[in-house]
Amino acid sequence: MRKIFLLFILIPLFSFNTSLADKQLIGKWEGKDEKNKVGTIIFDNEGYATIQIDGQAFGGKEFDVNGNKASMTYSINREVKPVEIDFIITSLETHIEMRMLMIAEFDGDNTMTIASDFNNTRPTEFNSGNSIKLYRIQ
């Protein structure tokens, strides 16, 4: 989760792209990283995603990154296994887009494992270095 935070700090500009919400994904998900820090991801029904770490929120309809206004949406592709989830970061000013490519695996309606390699490539497997288990809390 800390890597996600750092990624947002380092990205100077983003662009706008809406996505359709997925009913199984909508809600507030919480998990602990390898250092036992709690983080949450909120997927709303309008297609926006928000990440909260250490009391700080990033994403949603509008947030600030290094003085630039941005938004974060998400898209989900259930046509493949594991499921692909993309966070789409958008500069509200320049409309430049950046995607964070992830995979996810659902274990019922309230448990999800999500993975990202944090290097502009989509991971192909889940491992202790790239994954976090999330539990729906709302």
C-alpha atoms as a PDB file:
ATOM      1  CA  MET A   1       0.000   0.000   0.000  1.00  0.00           C
ATOM      2  CA  ARG A   2       2.900   2.359   0.712  1.00  0.00           C
ATOM      3  CA  LYS A   3       4.069   1.872  -2.895  1.00  0.00           C
ATOM      4  CA  ILE A   4       0.681   3.066  -4.162  1.00  0.00           C
ATOM      5  CA  PHE A   5       1.082   6.237  -2.077  1.00  0.00           C
ATOM      6  CA  LEU A   6       4.557   6.877  -3.488  1.00  0.00           C
ATOM      7  CA  LEU A   7       3.327   6.299  -7.019  1.00  0.00           C
ATOM      8  CA  PHE A   8       0.738   9.072  -6.654  1.00  0.00           C
ATOM      9  CA  ILE A   9       3.267  11.510  -5.240  1.00  0.00           C
ATOM     10  CA  LEU A  10       5.644  10.953  -8.160  1.00  0.00           C
ATOM     11  CA  ILE A  11       3.115  11.289 -10.960  1.00  0.00           C
ATOM     12  CA  PRO A  12       3.015  14.897 -12.128  1.00  0.00           C
ATOM     13  CA  LEU A  13       0.087  14.856 -14.547  1.00  0.00           C
ATOM     14  CA  PHE A  14      -2.931  12.658 -15.251  1.00  0.00           C
ATOM     15  CA  SER A  15      -5.989  12.527 -17.553  1.00  0.00           C
ATOM     16  CA  PHE A  16      -9.730  11.881 -17.401  1.00  0.00           C
ATOM     17  CA  ASN A  17     -11.358   8.588 -18.343  1.00  0.00           C
ATOM     18  CA  THR A  18     -14.597   7.285 -16.859  1.00  0.00           C
ATOM     19  CA  SER A  19     -15.277   3.631 -16.256  1.00  0.00           C
ATOM     20  CA  LEU A  20     -18.346   1.579 -15.483  1.00  0.00           C
ATOM     21  CA  ALA A  21     -18.769   0.466 -11.910  1.00  0.00           C
ATOM     22  CA  ASP A  22     -18.896  -3.248 -11.110  1.00  0.00           C
ATOM     23  CA  LYS A  23     -21.461  -4.232  -8.476  1.00  0.00           C
ATOM     24  CA  GLN A  24     -19.254  -6.866  -6.815  1.00  0.00           C
ATOM     25  CA  LEU A  25     -16.415  -4.357  -6.529  1.00  0.00           C
ATOM     26  CA  ILE A  26     -18.424  -1.379  -5.203  1.00  0.00           C
ATOM     27  CA  GLY A  27     -17.782  -0.699  -1.538  1.00  0.00           C
ATOM     28  CA  LYS A  28     -15.075   0.006   0.995  1.00  0.00           C
ATOM     29  CA  TRP A  29     -12.299  -2.593   1.223  1.00  0.00           C
ATOM     30  CA  GLU A  30      -9.666  -2.760   3.950  1.00  0.00           C
ATOM     31  CA  GLY A  31      -6.423  -4.679   4.339  1.00  0.00           C
ATOM     32  CA  LYS A  32      -3.021  -4.692   6.022  1.00  0.00           C
ATOM     33  CA  ASP A  33       0.277  -4.546   4.151  1.00  0.00           C
ATOM     34  CA  GLU A  34       3.437  -6.494   5.002  1.00  0.00           C
ATOM     35  CA  LYS A  35       4.307  -3.878   7.654  1.00  0.00           C
ATOM     36  CA  ASN A  36       0.862  -4.239   9.258  1.00  0.00           C
ATOM     37  CA  LYS A  37      -0.279  -0.781   8.079  1.00  0.00           C
ATOM     38  CA  VAL A  38      -3.997  -0.537   7.382  1.00  0.00           C
ATOM     39  CA  GLY A  39      -5.164   0.826   4.060  1.00  0.00           C
ATOM     40  CA  THR A  40      -8.537   1.071   2.380  1.00  0.00           C
ATOM     41  CA  ILE A  41      -9.753   1.269  -1.184  1.00  0.00           C
ATOM     42  CA  ILE A  42     -13.197   2.653  -1.923  1.00  0.00           C
ATOM     43  CA  PHE A  43     -14.809   1.775  -5.260  1.00  0.00           C
ATOM     44  CA  ASP A  44     -17.929   3.905  -5.752  1.00  0.00           C
ATOM     45  CA  ASN A  45     -20.901   3.343  -8.038  1.00  0.00           C
ATOM     46  CA  GLU A  46     -19.924   6.282 -10.281  1.00  0.00           C
ATOM     47  CA  GLY A  47     -16.651   4.581 -11.260  1.00  0.00           C
ATOM     48  CA  TYR A  48     -14.325   6.527  -8.938  1.00  0.00           C
ATOM     49  CA  ALA A  49     -11.734   4.924  -6.651  1.00  0.00           C
ATOM     50  CA  THR A  50     -10.177   6.382  -3.507  1.00  0.00           C
ATOM     51  CA  ILE A  51      -7.206   4.988  -1.576  1.00  0.00           C
ATOM     52  CA  GLN A  52      -6.743   5.860   2.098  1.00  0.00           C
ATOM     53  CA  ILE A  53      -3.410   5.253   3.854  1.00  0.00           C
ATOM     54  CA  ASP A  54      -2.411   6.624   7.244  1.00  0.00           C
ATOM     55  CA  GLY A  55      -5.411   8.950   7.295  1.00  0.00           C
ATOM     56  CA  GLN A  56      -4.613  10.479   3.895  1.00  0.00           C
ATOM     57  CA  ALA A  57      -6.967   9.982   0.945  1.00  0.00           C
ATOM     58  CA  PHE A  58      -5.922   9.911  -2.711  1.00  0.00           C
ATOM     59  CA  GLY A  59      -8.268   9.605  -5.635  1.00  0.00           C
ATOM     60  CA  GLY A  60     -11.964  10.077  -6.115  1.00  0.00           C
ATOM     61  CA  LYS A  61     -13.553  12.825  -8.180  1.00  0.00           C
ATOM     62  CA  GLU A  62     -10.851  15.347  -7.317  1.00  0.00           C
ATOM     63  CA  PHE A  63      -7.610  15.294  -5.365  1.00  0.00           C
ATOM     64  CA  ASP A  64      -4.343  17.216  -5.388  1.00  0.00           C
ATOM     65  CA  VAL A  65      -0.974  15.811  -6.513  1.00  0.00           C
ATOM     66  CA  ASN A  66       1.945  18.223  -6.364  1.00  0.00           C
ATOM     67  CA  GLY A  67      -0.363  21.168  -7.015  1.00  0.00           C
ATOM     68  CA  ASN A  68      -2.212  19.463  -9.885  1.00  0.00           C
ATOM     69  CA  LYS A  69      -5.896  18.556  -9.659  1.00  0.00           C
ATOM     70  CA  ALA A  70      -6.596  14.962 -10.621  1.00  0.00           C
ATOM     71  CA  SER A  71      -9.265  12.283 -10.403  1.00  0.00           C
ATOM     72  CA  MET A  72      -9.028   8.525 -10.137  1.00  0.00           C
ATOM     73  CA  THR A  73     -11.454   6.149 -11.795  1.00  0.00           C
ATOM     74  CA  TYR A  74     -11.292   2.414 -12.235  1.00  0.00           C
ATOM     75  CA  SER A  75     -12.160  -0.181 -14.828  1.00  0.00           C
ATOM     76  CA  ILE A  76     -12.611  -3.919 -14.432  1.00  0.00           C
ATOM     77  CA  ASN A  77     -12.266  -6.692 -17.020  1.00  0.00           C
ATOM     78  CA  ARG A  78     -13.978  -9.914 -15.954  1.00  0.00           C
ATOM     79  CA  GLU A  79     -13.420 -11.554 -19.343  1.00  0.00           C
ATOM     80  CA  VAL A  80      -9.997 -12.801 -18.201  1.00  0.00           C
ATOM     81  CA  LYS A  81      -8.719 -14.778 -15.216  1.00  0.00           C
ATOM     82  CA  PRO A  82      -7.500 -13.380 -12.943  1.00  0.00           C
ATOM     83  CA  VAL A  83      -9.762 -10.343 -13.199  1.00  0.00           C
ATOM     84  CA  GLU A  84      -8.001  -7.171 -14.380  1.00  0.00           C
ATOM     85  CA  ILE A  85      -8.546  -3.908 -12.495  1.00  0.00           C
ATOM     86  CA  ASP A  86      -7.030  -0.624 -13.633  1.00  0.00           C
ATOM     87  CA  PHE A  87      -6.801   2.571 -11.625  1.00  0.00           C
ATOM     88  CA  ILE A  88      -6.988   5.423 -14.125  1.00  0.00           C
ATOM     89  CA  ILE A  89      -5.396   8.617 -12.822  1.00  0.00           C
ATOM     90  CA  THR A  90      -6.405  11.766 -14.651  1.00  0.00           C
ATOM     91  CA  SER A  91      -5.168  15.325 -14.768  1.00  0.00           C
ATOM     92  CA  LEU A  92      -8.259  17.497 -14.720  1.00  0.00           C
ATOM     93  CA  GLU A  93      -6.250  20.251 -16.420  1.00  0.00           C
ATOM     94  CA  THR A  94      -4.227  18.474 -19.122  1.00  0.00           C
ATOM     95  CA  HIS A  95      -6.262  15.264 -19.563  1.00  0.00           C
ATOM     96  CA  ILE A  96      -3.072  13.174 -19.593  1.00  0.00           C
ATOM     97  CA  GLU A  97      -3.787   9.645 -18.388  1.00  0.00           C
ATOM     98  CA  MET A  98      -1.801   7.165 -16.314  1.00  0.00           C
ATOM     99  CA  ARG A  99      -2.938   3.639 -15.502  1.00  0.00           C
ATOM    100  CA  MET A 100      -1.974   1.411 -12.634  1.00  0.00           C
ATOM    101  CA  LEU A 101      -2.434  -2.169 -13.858  1.00  0.00           C
ATOM    102  CA  MET A 102      -3.594  -4.789 -11.360  1.00  0.00           C
ATOM    103  CA  ILE A 103      -5.085  -8.238 -11.094  1.00  0.00           C
ATOM    104  CA  ALA A 104      -7.687  -9.366  -8.575  1.00  0.00           C
ATOM    105  CA  GLU A 105      -9.155 -12.583  -7.322  1.00  0.00           C
ATOM    106  CA  PHE A 106     -12.422 -12.739  -5.391  1.00  0.00           C
ATOM    107  CA  ASP A 107     -13.096 -15.246  -2.639  1.00  0.00           C
ATOM    108  CA  GLY A 108     -16.828 -14.765  -2.192  1.00  0.00           C
ATOM    109  CA  ASP A 109     -18.482 -11.365  -2.073  1.00  0.00           C
ATOM    110  CA  ASN A 110     -16.443  -9.863   0.757  1.00  0.00           C
ATOM    111  CA  THR A 111     -12.820 -10.939   0.246  1.00  0.00           C
ATOM    112  CA  MET A 112     -10.497  -9.931  -2.583  1.00  0.00           C
ATOM    113  CA  THR A 113      -6.784 -10.321  -3.217  1.00  0.00           C
ATOM    114  CA  ILE A 114      -5.333  -7.564  -5.396  1.00  0.00           C
ATOM    115  CA  ALA A 115      -1.832  -7.374  -6.899  1.00  0.00           C
ATOM    116  CA  SER A 116       0.261  -4.776  -8.714  1.00  0.00           C
ATOM    117  CA  ASP A 117       3.900  -4.842  -9.829  1.00  0.00           C
ATOM    118  CA  PHE A 118       4.132  -1.006  -9.676  1.00  0.00           C
ATOM    119  CA  ASN A 119       6.157  -0.890 -12.909  1.00  0.00           C
ATOM    120  CA  ASN A 120       3.611  -0.196 -15.675  1.00  0.00           C
ATOM    121  CA  THR A 121       3.113  -3.899 -16.343  1.00  0.00           C
ATOM    122  CA  ARG A 122       0.266  -6.098 -15.190  1.00  0.00           C
ATOM    123  CA  PRO A 123       1.326  -8.878 -12.807  1.00  0.00           C
ATOM    124  CA  THR A 124       0.648 -12.434 -13.902  1.00  0.00           C
ATOM    125  CA  GLU A 125       0.507 -14.001 -10.445  1.00  0.00           C
ATOM    126  CA  PHE A 126      -0.114 -13.226  -6.791  1.00  0.00           C
ATOM    127  CA  ASN A 127       2.823 -13.329  -4.374  1.00  0.00           C
ATOM    128  CA  SER A 128       3.764 -11.889  -0.996  1.00  0.00           C
ATOM    129  CA  GLY A 129       5.646  -8.987  -2.605  1.00  0.00           C
ATOM    130  CA  ASN A 130       2.883  -7.722  -4.884  1.00  0.00           C
ATOM    131  CA  SER A 131      -0.404  -8.672  -3.202  1.00  0.00           C
ATOM    132  CA  ILE A 132      -2.698  -7.593  -0.419  1.00  0.00           C
ATOM    133  CA  LYS A 133      -5.867  -9.267   0.835  1.00  0.00           C
ATOM    134  CA  LEU A 134      -8.776  -6.874   1.236  1.00  0.00           C
ATOM    135  CA  TYR A 135     -12.016  -7.374   3.153  1.00  0.00           C
ATOM    136  CA  ARG A 136     -15.239  -5.509   2.413  1.00  0.00           C
ATOM    137  CA  ILE A 137     -16.145  -3.385   5.429  1.00  0.00           C
ATOM    138  CA  GLN A 138     -19.044  -1.442   3.819  1.00  0.00           C
END
